Amino acid sequence: MTQETSGLDSLVRKRIRALRAAHGWSLDDLASRSHLSASTLSRIETGHRRIALDQLTSIARALGTSLDQLVETEVDDVVHNATYDPSRAMSLWALRGQPGVTVARMRLTDPPPQGPAALKAHPGREWFTVLSGTAELLLGERRLRVEQGQAAEFSTMLPHAVGALGGPADLLGIFDREGRRSHLDGG
């Protein structure tokens, strides 16, 4: 007999199954990790068994997620618009699920700043990809050419700067709070 399921109950069951599948695990694999039987997990996933809080906690831990994430019901807007700064030709998107993380689309027209004083260093990591043109990444003592379709990821504790090489370059970058403060907010 299938349990009467609410929208949340059904959503949690689907999440359990989807997370298990994303790990590439069988019911037996999840059973050994969660200390529940495979038949219990099968009945939970199919709605033939009520989910007890202690079972849900064990399942969440085994799947590498939190209980909060497993039962979260808030539905964020999926599509959202960028804020645009015309003076810097930059579009910014804040990632709602990752507070402090910003995605920025930038158009670079100048070469990277020269001299050790122009290089910035701060805690964290940065990632960018070149959408068009060619960028030059100064990273410590290195000069790296990053072409269209390539990406760069690096520790921002290394002094660094990025600029266009041989003409304008469009980049899409991901910045944590420190990276945004240092590069995007003019800090």
Protein backbone atom coordinates (compact mmCIF):
# COMPACT_ATOMS: atom_id res chain seq x y z
CA MET A 1 0.00 0.00 0.00
CA THR A 2 1.37 3.40 -0.97
CA GLN A 3 1.53 6.04 1.75
CA GLU A 4 -0.51 9.19 1.28
CA THR A 5 2.17 11.60 0.20
CA SER A 6 2.30 15.36 0.42
CA GLY A 7 4.18 17.40 -2.12
CA LEU A 8 7.16 17.60 0.26
CA ASP A 9 7.08 13.88 0.97
CA SER A 10 7.07 13.09 -2.74
CA LEU A 11 9.84 15.61 -3.39
CA VAL A 12 12.06 14.11 -0.65
CA ARG A 13 11.59 10.61 -2.08
CA LYS A 14 12.52 11.83 -5.58
CA ARG A 15 15.58 13.63 -4.20
CA ILE A 16 16.75 10.48 -2.41
CA ARG A 17 16.44 8.43 -5.59
CA ALA A 18 18.06 11.14 -7.76
CA LEU A 19 20.99 11.64 -5.36
CA ARG A 20 21.53 7.89 -5.12
CA ALA A 21 21.53 7.64 -8.92
CA ALA A 22 23.88 10.65 -9.23
CA HIS A 23 26.38 8.80 -7.03
CA GLY A 24 25.94 5.75 -9.26
CA TRP A 25 24.83 3.68 -6.27
CA SER A 26 22.47 0.75 -6.14
CA LEU A 27 20.01 0.36 -3.28
CA ASP A 28 22.51 -2.03 -1.70
CA ASP A 29 25.26 0.61 -1.89
CA LEU A 30 23.10 3.21 -0.15
CA ALA A 31 21.92 0.60 2.34
CA SER A 32 25.47 -0.17 3.46
CA ARG A 33 26.26 3.54 3.81
CA SER A 34 23.04 4.49 5.64
CA HIS A 35 22.79 1.33 7.80
CA LEU A 36 19.27 0.66 6.51
CA SER A 37 18.15 -2.34 4.52
CA ALA A 38 17.85 -2.15 0.74
CA SER A 39 14.20 -3.19 0.97
CA THR A 40 13.47 -0.36 3.43
CA LEU A 41 15.15 2.12 1.08
CA SER A 42 13.22 0.76 -1.88
CA ARG A 43 9.92 1.15 -0.02
CA ILE A 44 10.90 4.68 1.05
CA GLU A 45 11.79 5.70 -2.52
CA THR A 46 8.57 4.24 -3.95
CA GLY A 47 6.28 5.64 -1.25
CA HIS A 48 5.40 2.26 0.26
CA ARG A 49 6.87 3.19 3.63
CA ARG A 50 6.75 6.27 5.82
CA ILE A 51 10.06 8.01 6.32
CA ALA A 52 11.11 8.28 9.95
CA LEU A 53 13.28 11.21 11.00
CA ASP A 54 16.15 8.95 12.09
CA GLN A 55 16.05 7.19 8.71
CA LEU A 56 16.02 10.49 6.86
CA THR A 57 19.02 11.70 8.87
CA SER A 58 20.97 8.52 8.07
CA ILE A 59 20.06 8.73 4.40
CA ALA A 60 21.07 12.41 4.15
CA ARG A 61 24.42 11.73 5.83
CA ALA A 62 25.09 8.77 3.53
CA LEU A 63 24.24 10.84 0.46
CA GLY A 64 26.60 13.62 1.54
CA THR A 65 23.89 16.22 2.02
CA SER A 66 22.19 17.85 4.97
CA LEU A 67 18.74 17.15 6.30
CA ASP A 68 17.89 20.79 5.53
CA GLN A 69 18.84 20.38 1.87
CA LEU A 70 16.93 17.14 1.58
CA VAL A 71 13.66 18.65 2.87
CA GLU A 72 14.01 22.23 1.64
CA THR A 73 10.81 23.51 0.06
CA GLU A 74 11.64 27.09 -0.82
CA VAL A 75 11.48 27.52 -4.55
CA ASP A 76 13.81 30.26 -5.72
CA ASP A 77 13.29 32.08 -8.93
CA VAL A 78 15.20 30.08 -11.46
CA VAL A 79 15.74 32.86 -13.97
CA HIS A 80 17.08 36.20 -12.83
CA ASN A 81 18.57 39.23 -14.52
CA ALA A 82 22.03 40.66 -14.22
CA THR A 83 22.83 44.08 -12.93
CA TYR A 84 24.73 46.01 -15.56
CA ASP A 85 27.44 48.61 -14.97
CA PRO A 86 27.85 50.51 -18.27
CA SER A 87 30.89 52.45 -17.07
CA ARG A 88 32.82 49.18 -16.72
CA ALA A 89 30.93 47.20 -19.42
CA MET A 90 30.21 44.53 -16.82
CA SER A 91 27.18 42.34 -16.07
CA LEU A 92 26.95 40.76 -12.60
CA TRP A 93 24.86 37.90 -11.29
CA ALA A 94 24.81 36.89 -7.61
CA LEU A 95 24.49 33.12 -7.13
CA ARG A 96 21.56 32.69 -4.75
CA GLY A 97 22.60 29.25 -3.57
CA GLN A 98 26.17 30.39 -2.86
CA PRO A 99 26.11 33.57 -0.77
CA GLY A 100 29.05 35.80 -1.55
CA VAL A 101 29.71 34.22 -4.97
CA THR A 102 29.28 36.39 -8.05
CA VAL A 103 29.39 35.57 -11.75
CA ALA A 104 30.64 38.46 -13.88
CA ARG A 105 30.76 38.99 -17.62
CA MET A 106 33.50 41.47 -18.40
CA ARG A 107 34.77 43.12 -21.56
CA LEU A 108 38.47 43.79 -21.26
CA THR A 109 40.08 46.27 -23.65
CA ASP A 110 43.36 47.11 -21.89
CA PRO A 111 46.36 44.85 -21.37
CA PRO A 112 46.99 43.68 -17.81
CA PRO A 113 48.48 46.33 -15.51
CA GLN A 114 52.25 46.26 -15.35
CA GLY A 115 54.54 46.08 -12.34
CA PRO A 116 54.37 44.15 -9.08
CA ALA A 117 52.26 46.85 -7.37
CA ALA A 118 49.46 46.34 -9.92
CA LEU A 119 49.06 42.65 -9.08
CA LYS A 120 46.47 41.76 -6.45
CA ALA A 121 46.46 38.91 -3.95
CA HIS A 122 43.71 37.84 -1.55
CA PRO A 123 42.36 34.64 0.01
CA GLY A 124 40.32 32.31 -2.20
CA ARG A 125 40.22 30.96 -5.74
CA GLU A 126 39.10 32.45 -9.03
CA TRP A 127 37.90 30.96 -12.28
CA PHE A 128 37.27 32.57 -15.64
CA THR A 129 36.68 31.50 -19.20
CA VAL A 130 37.31 33.53 -22.32
CA LEU A 131 34.17 33.94 -24.42
CA SER A 132 35.87 35.87 -27.22
CA GLY A 133 39.29 37.30 -27.91
CA THR A 134 42.41 36.43 -25.91
CA ALA A 135 43.24 37.30 -22.31
CA GLU A 136 46.61 37.53 -20.63
CA LEU A 137 46.80 36.31 -17.04
CA LEU A 138 49.70 37.52 -14.94
CA LEU A 139 50.11 34.99 -12.15
CA GLY A 140 53.10 35.54 -9.90
CA GLU A 141 56.09 35.56 -12.25
CA ARG A 142 54.18 33.85 -15.08
CA ARG A 143 52.42 35.31 -18.13
CA LEU A 144 49.72 32.99 -19.42
CA ARG A 145 47.79 33.32 -22.66
CA VAL A 146 44.15 32.25 -22.24
CA GLU A 147 42.32 31.94 -25.56
CA GLN A 148 38.67 31.73 -26.50
CA GLY A 149 37.13 28.55 -25.10
CA GLN A 150 39.86 28.08 -22.50
CA ALA A 151 39.45 28.60 -18.77
CA ALA A 152 41.84 29.48 -15.96
CA GLU A 153 41.49 28.57 -12.30
CA PHE A 154 44.00 29.59 -9.67
CA SER A 155 44.66 30.35 -6.04
CA THR A 156 44.24 34.08 -5.51
CA MET A 157 46.99 34.09 -2.91
CA LEU A 158 49.31 34.33 -5.93
CA PRO A 159 49.60 37.96 -7.07
CA HIS A 160 47.53 38.22 -10.26
CA ALA A 161 45.98 40.48 -12.90
CA VAL A 162 44.09 39.89 -16.15
CA GLY A 163 43.87 41.98 -19.30
CA ALA A 164 43.16 41.80 -23.01
CA LEU A 165 45.83 40.65 -25.43
CA GLY A 166 45.78 41.93 -29.03
CA GLY A 167 42.27 43.41 -28.86
CA PRO A 168 39.12 43.24 -26.72
CA ALA A 169 38.36 40.06 -24.78
CA ASP A 170 35.06 38.99 -23.22
CA LEU A 171 35.36 36.92 -20.04
CA LEU A 172 32.96 35.14 -17.75
CA GLY A 173 34.37 34.84 -14.25
CA ILE A 174 33.34 33.42 -10.89
CA PHE A 175 34.44 35.39 -7.84
CA ASP A 176 34.06 34.69 -4.15
CA ARG A 177 33.44 37.57 -1.71
CA GLU A 178 37.14 38.52 -1.52
CA GLY A 179 37.59 38.33 -5.28
CA ARG A 180 34.56 40.51 -5.87
CA ARG A 181 35.79 43.08 -3.36
CA SER A 182 39.27 43.12 -4.92
CA HIS A 183 38.39 43.06 -8.63
CA LEU A 184 34.79 44.08 -9.16
CA ASP A 185 34.05 46.60 -6.42
CA GLY A 186 37.29 48.48 -6.99
CA GLY A 187 38.78 47.52 -3.59
